[in-house]
Amino acid sequence: MAKSIVLDAGHGGRDNGAVYEDMIEKNDNLRIVLALGQELENRGINVYYTRTTDVFQTPFEKAQIANETNADAFLSIHRNSGVNPGEYSGVESLVYKKEGLALEMAENINGALGLVGFDEIGVFEEPGIIVLRKTKMPAVLAEIGFINNDEDNRLLNENFDDVIGALADAVQGTLEPEVYPAGRGGFFQVQVGSFADRKEAAAAVKKVSGEGFPAMLDTKDQRYRVLVGRYQELDNAVLMERVLRKHGYTTRIIG
């Protein structure tokens, strides 16, 4: 039986979401969702939508629409925004609880978009968000870059097809691991730092990424961990650890 997913374009109608210069978040969200839905349908995945036009829905209505489909997963697409333009960048994914298929999809989305060029901020628990709390299926809210960061906007607009392909790979890899085997957990990563302060950890991610390593931010036990790579084979993680140590990092492999 074909797998299915509900795609939600965040905000809509009188709810613009974040606004920066001439960009409106609700429009970006819908553009991404419609393109992603078409790509997933081309791959044989059944797609349901909370909205396909510029209409307003409460988060409760979005969750109700999703629950009526009995789909395998729910993905809400958003753009992030910081207080000051250009202050923050990257992708992050939110889940009700960091476990199961929702966590796998969130990690896969961050990793896939990291390959396109976005900074990977991490996966975070946000149990208060209605579309994560009220949906019956595993649910992820993905923030596709900061709308008030010019570089994130450039990455999205100039590499739009790659972004859509990466998102589709992440979704398909989670729902159909037999088709896209790299998609489901069971991987090793190299930790290069652990911080109590999120801003310090985010700065470390930016530094490590600037040196050409696929760095991301993760949380565990109220600590912010800076992780590099995602390897299904331990030997590959070991090779990356050796390179990182040559660059002066104190490392350990986690899996």
C-alpha atoms as a PDB file:
ATOM      1  CA  MET A   1       0.000   0.000   0.000  1.00  0.00           C
ATOM      2  CA  ALA A   2       1.295   3.447  -0.920  1.00  0.00           C
ATOM      3  CA  LYS A   3       2.431   5.667   1.916  1.00  0.00           C
ATOM      4  CA  SER A   4       0.725   8.993   2.513  1.00  0.00           C
ATOM      5  CA  ILE A   5       1.524  12.365   4.055  1.00  0.00           C
ATOM      6  CA  VAL A   6      -0.319  15.567   4.904  1.00  0.00           C
ATOM      7  CA  LEU A   7       1.490  18.725   3.796  1.00  0.00           C
ATOM      8  CA  ASP A   8       0.623  21.940   5.578  1.00  0.00           C
ATOM      9  CA  ALA A   9       1.601  25.343   4.223  1.00  0.00           C
ATOM     10  CA  GLY A  10       1.937  27.342   7.416  1.00  0.00           C
ATOM     11  CA  HIS A  11      -0.193  30.462   7.973  1.00  0.00           C
ATOM     12  CA  GLY A  12      -2.477  31.729   5.174  1.00  0.00           C
ATOM     13  CA  GLY A  13      -5.211  34.267   4.515  1.00  0.00           C
ATOM     14  CA  ARG A  14      -5.135  37.091   7.038  1.00  0.00           C
ATOM     15  CA  ASP A  15      -2.246  35.370   8.835  1.00  0.00           C
ATOM     16  CA  ASN A  16       0.854  36.380   6.854  1.00  0.00           C
ATOM     17  CA  GLY A  17       3.405  34.782   9.141  1.00  0.00           C
ATOM     18  CA  ALA A  18       6.789  36.502   9.050  1.00  0.00           C
ATOM     19  CA  VAL A  19       7.313  39.394   6.624  1.00  0.00           C
ATOM     20  CA  TYR A  20      10.631  40.724   5.325  1.00  0.00           C
ATOM     21  CA  GLU A  21      10.916  43.409   2.633  1.00  0.00           C
ATOM     22  CA  ASP A  22       8.625  42.164  -0.173  1.00  0.00           C
ATOM     23  CA  MET A  23       8.534  38.553   1.040  1.00  0.00           C
ATOM     24  CA  ILE A  24       5.607  37.070   2.950  1.00  0.00           C
ATOM     25  CA  GLU A  25       6.058  33.767   4.727  1.00  0.00           C
ATOM     26  CA  LYS A  26       2.623  32.350   3.899  1.00  0.00           C
ATOM     27  CA  ASN A  27       3.431  32.641   0.167  1.00  0.00           C
ATOM     28  CA  ASP A  28       6.821  30.942   0.474  1.00  0.00           C
ATOM     29  CA  ASN A  29       5.262  28.150   2.516  1.00  0.00           C
ATOM     30  CA  LEU A  30       2.591  27.490  -0.101  1.00  0.00           C
ATOM     31  CA  ARG A  31       5.079  27.612  -2.967  1.00  0.00           C
ATOM     32  CA  ILE A  32       7.240  24.999  -1.257  1.00  0.00           C
ATOM     33  CA  VAL A  33       4.309  22.770  -0.309  1.00  0.00           C
ATOM     34  CA  LEU A  34       2.763  22.703  -3.784  1.00  0.00           C
ATOM     35  CA  ALA A  35       6.082  21.864  -5.431  1.00  0.00           C
ATOM     36  CA  LEU A  36       6.937  19.251  -2.793  1.00  0.00           C
ATOM     37  CA  GLY A  37       3.513  17.663  -3.069  1.00  0.00           C
ATOM     38  CA  GLN A  38       3.858  17.316  -6.833  1.00  0.00           C
ATOM     39  CA  GLU A  39       7.303  15.746  -6.472  1.00  0.00           C
ATOM     40  CA  LEU A  40       6.087  13.258  -3.859  1.00  0.00           C
ATOM     41  CA  GLU A  41       3.069  12.349  -5.966  1.00  0.00           C
ATOM     42  CA  ASN A  42       5.423  11.703  -8.888  1.00  0.00           C
ATOM     43  CA  ARG A  43       7.249   9.255  -6.602  1.00  0.00           C
ATOM     44  CA  GLY A  44       4.062   7.363  -5.784  1.00  0.00           C
ATOM     45  CA  ILE A  45       3.331   8.851  -2.349  1.00  0.00           C
ATOM     46  CA  ASN A  46      -0.241   9.951  -1.659  1.00  0.00           C
ATOM     47  CA  VAL A  47      -0.348  13.611  -0.648  1.00  0.00           C
ATOM     48  CA  TYR A  48      -3.063  15.497   1.213  1.00  0.00           C
ATOM     49  CA  TYR A  49      -3.016  19.256   1.769  1.00  0.00           C
ATOM     50  CA  THR A  50      -4.403  21.465   4.509  1.00  0.00           C
ATOM     51  CA  ARG A  51      -4.551  24.285   1.980  1.00  0.00           C
ATOM     52  CA  THR A  52      -3.687  24.827  -1.679  1.00  0.00           C
ATOM     53  CA  THR A  53      -4.773  28.466  -1.842  1.00  0.00           C
ATOM     54  CA  ASP A  54      -4.367  31.591   0.296  1.00  0.00           C
ATOM     55  CA  VAL A  55      -6.949  30.804   2.989  1.00  0.00           C
ATOM     56  CA  PHE A  56      -6.886  31.219   6.758  1.00  0.00           C
ATOM     57  CA  GLN A  57      -7.131  28.175   9.017  1.00  0.00           C
ATOM     58  CA  THR A  58      -6.637  27.910  12.739  1.00  0.00           C
ATOM     59  CA  PRO A  59      -4.023  25.406  13.908  1.00  0.00           C
ATOM     60  CA  PHE A  60      -6.901  23.299  15.294  1.00  0.00           C
ATOM     61  CA  GLU A  61      -8.537  23.224  11.855  1.00  0.00           C
ATOM     62  CA  LYS A  62      -5.271  22.191  10.249  1.00  0.00           C
ATOM     63  CA  ALA A  63      -4.904  19.325  12.732  1.00  0.00           C
ATOM     64  CA  GLN A  64      -8.513  18.235  12.161  1.00  0.00           C
ATOM     65  CA  ILE A  65      -8.037  18.192   8.388  1.00  0.00           C
ATOM     66  CA  ALA A  66      -4.917  16.081   8.854  1.00  0.00           C
ATOM     67  CA  ASN A  67      -6.538  13.618  11.237  1.00  0.00           C
ATOM     68  CA  GLU A  68      -9.405  12.971   8.837  1.00  0.00           C
ATOM     69  CA  THR A  69      -6.965  11.634   6.224  1.00  0.00           C
ATOM     70  CA  ASN A  70      -5.463   8.832   8.365  1.00  0.00           C
ATOM     71  CA  ALA A  71      -2.146   9.609   6.659  1.00  0.00           C
ATOM     72  CA  ASP A  72       1.170   8.126   7.782  1.00  0.00           C
ATOM     73  CA  ALA A  73       2.775  11.487   8.626  1.00  0.00           C
ATOM     74  CA  PHE A  74       2.233  15.244   8.788  1.00  0.00           C
ATOM     75  CA  LEU A  75       4.689  17.920   7.658  1.00  0.00           C
ATOM     76  CA  SER A  76       4.127  21.631   8.226  1.00  0.00           C
ATOM     77  CA  ILE A  77       6.333  23.965   6.192  1.00  0.00           C
ATOM     78  CA  HIS A  78       7.392  27.359   7.578  1.00  0.00           C
ATOM     79  CA  ARG A  79      10.093  30.019   7.240  1.00  0.00           C
ATOM     80  CA  ASN A  80      11.882  31.173  10.366  1.00  0.00           C
ATOM     81  CA  SER A  81      12.585  34.781  11.373  1.00  0.00           C
ATOM     82  CA  GLY A  82      14.966  36.459  13.800  1.00  0.00           C
ATOM     83  CA  VAL A  83      14.598  39.754  15.637  1.00  0.00           C
ATOM     84  CA  ASN A  84      17.378  41.371  13.602  1.00  0.00           C
ATOM     85  CA  PRO A  85      17.812  40.752   9.852  1.00  0.00           C
ATOM     86  CA  GLY A  86      20.734  38.465   9.096  1.00  0.00           C
ATOM     87  CA  GLU A  87      21.349  37.558  12.739  1.00  0.00           C
ATOM     88  CA  TYR A  88      20.398  33.885  12.382  1.00  0.00           C
ATOM     89  CA  SER A  89      20.431  31.409   9.531  1.00  0.00           C
ATOM     90  CA  GLY A  90      19.705  27.775   8.842  1.00  0.00           C
ATOM     91  CA  VAL A  91      17.035  25.094   9.055  1.00  0.00           C
ATOM     92  CA  GLU A  92      15.521  23.584  12.150  1.00  0.00           C
ATOM     93  CA  SER A  93      12.741  21.072  12.656  1.00  0.00           C
ATOM     94  CA  LEU A  94      10.293  20.870  15.532  1.00  0.00           C
ATOM     95  CA  VAL A  95       8.557  17.778  16.908  1.00  0.00           C
ATOM     96  CA  TYR A  96       6.182  17.044  19.764  1.00  0.00           C
ATOM     97  CA  LYS A  97       8.664  14.572  21.212  1.00  0.00           C
ATOM     98  CA  LYS A  98      12.068  13.481  19.971  1.00  0.00           C
ATOM     99  CA  GLU A  99      11.251   9.876  19.200  1.00  0.00           C
ATOM    100  CA  GLY A 100      10.034   7.537  16.493  1.00  0.00           C
ATOM    101  CA  LEU A 101       9.207   8.386  12.919  1.00  0.00           C
ATOM    102  CA  ALA A 102       8.745  12.108  13.614  1.00  0.00           C
ATOM    103  CA  LEU A 103      12.308  12.402  14.880  1.00  0.00           C
ATOM    104  CA  GLU A 104      13.609  10.409  11.922  1.00  0.00           C
ATOM    105  CA  MET A 105      11.837  12.647   9.443  1.00  0.00           C
ATOM    106  CA  ALA A 106      13.005  15.803  11.213  1.00  0.00           C
ATOM    107  CA  GLU A 107      16.629  14.640  11.195  1.00  0.00           C
ATOM    108  CA  ASN A 108      16.375  13.575   7.567  1.00  0.00           C
ATOM    109  CA  ILE A 109      14.939  16.954   6.546  1.00  0.00           C
ATOM    110  CA  ASN A 110      17.699  18.869   8.307  1.00  0.00           C
ATOM    111  CA  GLY A 111      20.388  16.615   6.862  1.00  0.00           C
ATOM    112  CA  ALA A 112      19.040  16.762   3.328  1.00  0.00           C
ATOM    113  CA  LEU A 113      18.768  20.563   3.374  1.00  0.00           C
ATOM    114  CA  GLY A 114      22.233  20.753   4.893  1.00  0.00           C
ATOM    115  CA  LEU A 115      23.544  19.123   1.737  1.00  0.00           C
ATOM    116  CA  VAL A 116      21.906  21.913  -0.288  1.00  0.00           C
ATOM    117  CA  GLY A 117      23.878  24.458   1.739  1.00  0.00           C
ATOM    118  CA  PHE A 118      21.733  25.481   4.704  1.00  0.00           C
ATOM    119  CA  ASP A 119      23.152  25.553   8.210  1.00  0.00           C
ATOM    120  CA  GLU A 120      21.619  22.748  10.287  1.00  0.00           C
ATOM    121  CA  ILE A 121      20.407  24.206  13.560  1.00  0.00           C
ATOM    122  CA  GLY A 122      18.890  21.030  14.973  1.00  0.00           C
ATOM    123  CA  VAL A 123      15.727  19.206  16.016  1.00  0.00           C
ATOM    124  CA  PHE A 124      13.809  20.533  19.016  1.00  0.00           C
ATOM    125  CA  GLU A 125      10.831  19.427  21.077  1.00  0.00           C
ATOM    126  CA  GLU A 126       7.941  21.918  21.028  1.00  0.00           C
ATOM    127  CA  PRO A 127       4.965  20.140  22.645  1.00  0.00           C
ATOM    128  CA  GLY A 128       2.949  23.350  22.838  1.00  0.00           C
ATOM    129  CA  ILE A 129       2.539  23.748  19.072  1.00  0.00           C
ATOM    130  CA  ILE A 130      -1.014  22.738  18.155  1.00  0.00           C
ATOM    131  CA  VAL A 131      -0.263  21.069  14.816  1.00  0.00           C
ATOM    132  CA  LEU A 132       2.315  18.876  16.556  1.00  0.00           C
ATOM    133  CA  ARG A 133       0.218  18.167  19.660  1.00  0.00           C
ATOM    134  CA  LYS A 134      -3.207  17.605  18.093  1.00  0.00           C
ATOM    135  CA  THR A 135      -2.272  15.537  15.049  1.00  0.00           C
ATOM    136  CA  LYS A 136      -2.733  11.778  15.504  1.00  0.00           C
ATOM    137  CA  MET A 137       0.129  10.829  13.167  1.00  0.00           C
ATOM    138  CA  PRO A 138       3.874  11.568  13.542  1.00  0.00           C
ATOM    139  CA  ALA A 139       4.254  15.278  12.863  1.00  0.00           C
ATOM    140  CA  VAL A 140       7.120  17.633  11.990  1.00  0.00           C
ATOM    141  CA  LEU A 141       7.228  21.403  11.598  1.00  0.00           C
ATOM    142  CA  ALA A 142      10.166  22.370   9.383  1.00  0.00           C
ATOM    143  CA  GLU A 143      11.562  25.912   9.317  1.00  0.00           C
ATOM    144  CA  ILE A 144      13.147  26.283   5.850  1.00  0.00           C
ATOM    145  CA  GLY A 145      15.687  28.999   6.521  1.00  0.00           C
ATOM    146  CA  PHE A 146      15.203  32.503   7.921  1.00  0.00           C
ATOM    147  CA  ILE A 147      13.070  34.785   5.800  1.00  0.00           C
ATOM    148  CA  ASN A 148      15.018  37.813   7.082  1.00  0.00           C
ATOM    149  CA  ASN A 149      18.391  36.341   6.127  1.00  0.00           C
ATOM    150  CA  ASP A 150      19.470  37.221   2.596  1.00  0.00           C
ATOM    151  CA  GLU A 151      21.735  34.192   2.231  1.00  0.00           C
ATOM    152  CA  ASP A 152      18.982  31.782   3.262  1.00  0.00           C
ATOM    153  CA  ASN A 153      16.665  33.439   0.757  1.00  0.00           C
ATOM    154  CA  ARG A 154      19.295  33.133  -1.949  1.00  0.00           C
ATOM    155  CA  LEU A 155      19.768  29.440  -1.182  1.00  0.00           C
ATOM    156  CA  LEU A 156      16.037  28.822  -1.373  1.00  0.00           C
ATOM    157  CA  ASN A 157      15.351  30.813  -4.515  1.00  0.00           C
ATOM    158  CA  GLU A 158      18.434  29.932  -6.565  1.00  0.00           C
ATOM    159  CA  ASN A 159      18.326  26.259  -5.597  1.00  0.00           C
ATOM    160  CA  PHE A 160      14.571  25.806  -5.357  1.00  0.00           C
ATOM    161  CA  ASP A 161      14.452  22.546  -7.305  1.00  0.00           C
ATOM    162  CA  ASP A 162      17.282  21.142  -5.180  1.00  0.00           C
ATOM    163  CA  VAL A 163      15.460  22.157  -2.011  1.00  0.00           C
ATOM    164  CA  ILE A 164      12.306  20.402  -3.174  1.00  0.00           C
ATOM    165  CA  GLY A 165      14.280  17.322  -4.179  1.00  0.00           C
ATOM    166  CA  ALA A 166      16.030  17.257  -0.810  1.00  0.00           C
ATOM    167  CA  LEU A 167      12.735  17.533   1.065  1.00  0.00           C
ATOM    168  CA  ALA A 168      11.231  14.782  -1.082  1.00  0.00           C
ATOM    169  CA  ASP A 169      14.250  12.544  -0.453  1.00  0.00           C
ATOM    170  CA  ALA A 170      13.879  13.107   3.286  1.00  0.00           C
ATOM    171  CA  VAL A 171      10.156  12.322   3.301  1.00  0.00           C
ATOM    172  CA  GLN A 172      10.473   9.301   1.043  1.00  0.00           C
ATOM    173  CA  GLY A 173      13.503   8.087   2.955  1.00  0.00           C
ATOM    174  CA  THR A 174      11.484   8.128   6.153  1.00  0.00           C
ATOM    175  CA  LEU A 175       8.263   6.637   4.822  1.00  0.00           C
ATOM    176  CA  GLU A 176       9.813   4.172   2.362  1.00  0.00           C
ATOM    177  CA  PRO A 177      13.249   3.167   3.693  1.00  0.00           C
ATOM    178  CA  GLU A 178      13.233   0.151   1.390  1.00  0.00           C
ATOM    179  CA  VAL A 179      13.212   2.538  -1.584  1.00  0.00           C
ATOM    180  CA  TYR A 180      15.603   5.091  -0.117  1.00  0.00           C
ATOM    181  CA  PRO A 181      17.551   3.106   2.495  1.00  0.00           C
ATOM    182  CA  ALA A 182      19.659   6.015   3.749  1.00  0.00           C
ATOM    183  CA  GLY A 183      16.587   7.656   5.168  1.00  0.00           C
ATOM    184  CA  ARG A 184      15.957   5.767   8.399  1.00  0.00           C
ATOM    185  CA  GLY A 185      18.070   6.145  11.579  1.00  0.00           C
ATOM    186  CA  GLY A 186      20.764   3.748  12.731  1.00  0.00           C
ATOM    187  CA  PHE A 187      23.612   6.145  11.939  1.00  0.00           C
ATOM    188  CA  PHE A 188      26.788   7.329  13.604  1.00  0.00           C
ATOM    189  CA  GLN A 189      27.819  10.942  14.163  1.00  0.00           C
ATOM    190  CA  VAL A 190      30.923  12.693  15.451  1.00  0.00           C
ATOM    191  CA  GLN A 191      30.430  15.078  18.363  1.00  0.00           C
ATOM    192  CA  VAL A 192      32.776  18.053  18.433  1.00  0.00           C
ATOM    193  CA  GLY A 193      31.215  20.087  21.223  1.00  0.00           C
ATOM    194  CA  SER A 194      28.580  20.224  23.951  1.00  0.00           C
ATOM    195  CA  PHE A 195      27.224  23.507  25.349  1.00  0.00           C
ATOM    196  CA  ALA A 196      24.773  24.725  27.936  1.00  0.00           C
ATOM    197  CA  ASP A 197      24.069  27.879  25.916  1.00  0.00           C
ATOM    198  CA  ARG A 198      22.312  27.566  22.559  1.00  0.00           C
ATOM    199  CA  LYS A 199      23.902  30.700  21.076  1.00  0.00           C
ATOM    200  CA  GLU A 200      27.377  29.378  21.815  1.00  0.00           C
ATOM    201  CA  ALA A 201      26.468  26.058  20.231  1.00  0.00           C
ATOM    202  CA  ALA A 202      25.017  27.775  17.154  1.00  0.00           C
ATOM    203  CA  ALA A 203      28.224  29.804  16.786  1.00  0.00           C
ATOM    204  CA  ALA A 204      30.226  26.569  16.992  1.00  0.00           C
ATOM    205  CA  VAL A 205      28.052  25.003  14.274  1.00  0.00           C
ATOM    206  CA  LYS A 206      28.709  28.011  12.052  1.00  0.00           C
ATOM    207  CA  LYS A 207      32.461  27.766  12.671  1.00  0.00           C
ATOM    208  CA  VAL A 208      32.618  24.019  11.953  1.00  0.00           C
ATOM    209  CA  SER A 209      30.417  24.399   8.860  1.00  0.00           C
ATOM    210  CA  GLY A 210      32.639  27.249   7.675  1.00  0.00           C
ATOM    211  CA  GLU A 211      35.555  24.826   7.647  1.00  0.00           C
ATOM    212  CA  GLY A 212      33.669  22.586   5.251  1.00  0.00           C
ATOM    213  CA  PHE A 213      32.231  19.994   7.650  1.00  0.00           C
ATOM    214  CA  PRO A 214      28.515  18.992   7.671  1.00  0.00           C
ATOM    215  CA  ALA A 215      27.767  20.248  11.178  1.00  0.00           C
ATOM    216  CA  MET A 216      24.412  20.372  12.922  1.00  0.00           C
ATOM    217  CA  LEU A 217      22.945  21.195  16.302  1.00  0.00           C
ATOM    218  CA  ASP A 218      21.160  18.658  18.496  1.00  0.00           C
ATOM    219  CA  THR A 219      19.805  18.693  22.048  1.00  0.00           C
ATOM    220  CA  LYS A 220      20.079  16.005  24.705  1.00  0.00           C
ATOM    221  CA  ASP A 221      19.718  16.195  28.483  1.00  0.00           C
ATOM    222  CA  GLN A 222      19.397  20.004  28.335  1.00  0.00           C
ATOM    223  CA  ARG A 223      22.716  20.282  26.471  1.00  0.00           C
ATOM    224  CA  TYR A 224      23.291  21.562  22.931  1.00  0.00           C
ATOM    225  CA  ARG A 225      25.540  19.185  21.013  1.00  0.00           C
ATOM    226  CA  VAL A 226      27.475  20.046  17.853  1.00  0.00           C
ATOM    227  CA  LEU A 227      27.487  16.966  15.629  1.00  0.00           C
ATOM    228  CA  VAL A 228      29.184  16.276  12.313  1.00  0.00           C
ATOM    229  CA  GLY A 229      27.996  13.900   9.616  1.00  0.00           C
ATOM    230  CA  ARG A 230      25.484  11.076   9.535  1.00  0.00           C
ATOM    231  CA  TYR A 231      27.053   7.745   8.683  1.00  0.00           C
ATOM    232  CA  GLN A 232      25.480   4.303   8.416  1.00  0.00           C
ATOM    233  CA  GLU A 233      28.921   2.668   8.566  1.00  0.00           C
ATOM    234  CA  LEU A 234      31.058   3.092  11.688  1.00  0.00           C
ATOM    235  CA  ASP A 235      34.249   3.086   9.604  1.00  0.00           C
ATOM    236  CA  ASN A 236      33.119   6.247   7.816  1.00  0.00           C
ATOM    237  CA  ALA A 237      32.473   7.983  11.116  1.00  0.00           C
ATOM    238  CA  VAL A 238      35.935   6.957  12.292  1.00  0.00           C
ATOM    239  CA  LEU A 239      37.506   8.464   9.178  1.00  0.00           C
ATOM    240  CA  MET A 240      35.660  11.750   9.758  1.00  0.00           C
ATOM    241  CA  GLU A 241      36.724  11.733  13.416  1.00  0.00           C
ATOM    242  CA  ARG A 242      40.380  11.466  12.380  1.00  0.00           C
ATOM    243  CA  VAL A 243      40.038  14.428  10.026  1.00  0.00           C
ATOM    244  CA  LEU A 244      38.323  16.524  12.687  1.00  0.00           C
ATOM    245  CA  ARG A 245      41.032  15.727  15.220  1.00  0.00           C
ATOM    246  CA  LYS A 246      43.656  16.896  12.746  1.00  0.00           C
ATOM    247  CA  HIS A 247      41.772  20.200  12.668  1.00  0.00           C
ATOM    248  CA  GLY A 248      42.097  20.475  16.430  1.00  0.00           C
ATOM    249  CA  TYR A 249      38.684  19.277  17.567  1.00  0.00           C
ATOM    250  CA  THR A 250      38.089  17.098  20.590  1.00  0.00           C
ATOM    251  CA  THR A 251      35.741  14.398  19.340  1.00  0.00           C
ATOM    252  CA  ARG A 252      33.756  11.347  20.219  1.00  0.00           C
ATOM    253  CA  ILE A 253      31.563   9.082  18.090  1.00  0.00           C
ATOM    254  CA  ILE A 254      27.935   8.675  19.047  1.00  0.00           C
ATOM    255  CA  GLY A 255      25.375   6.332  17.564  1.00  0.00           C
END
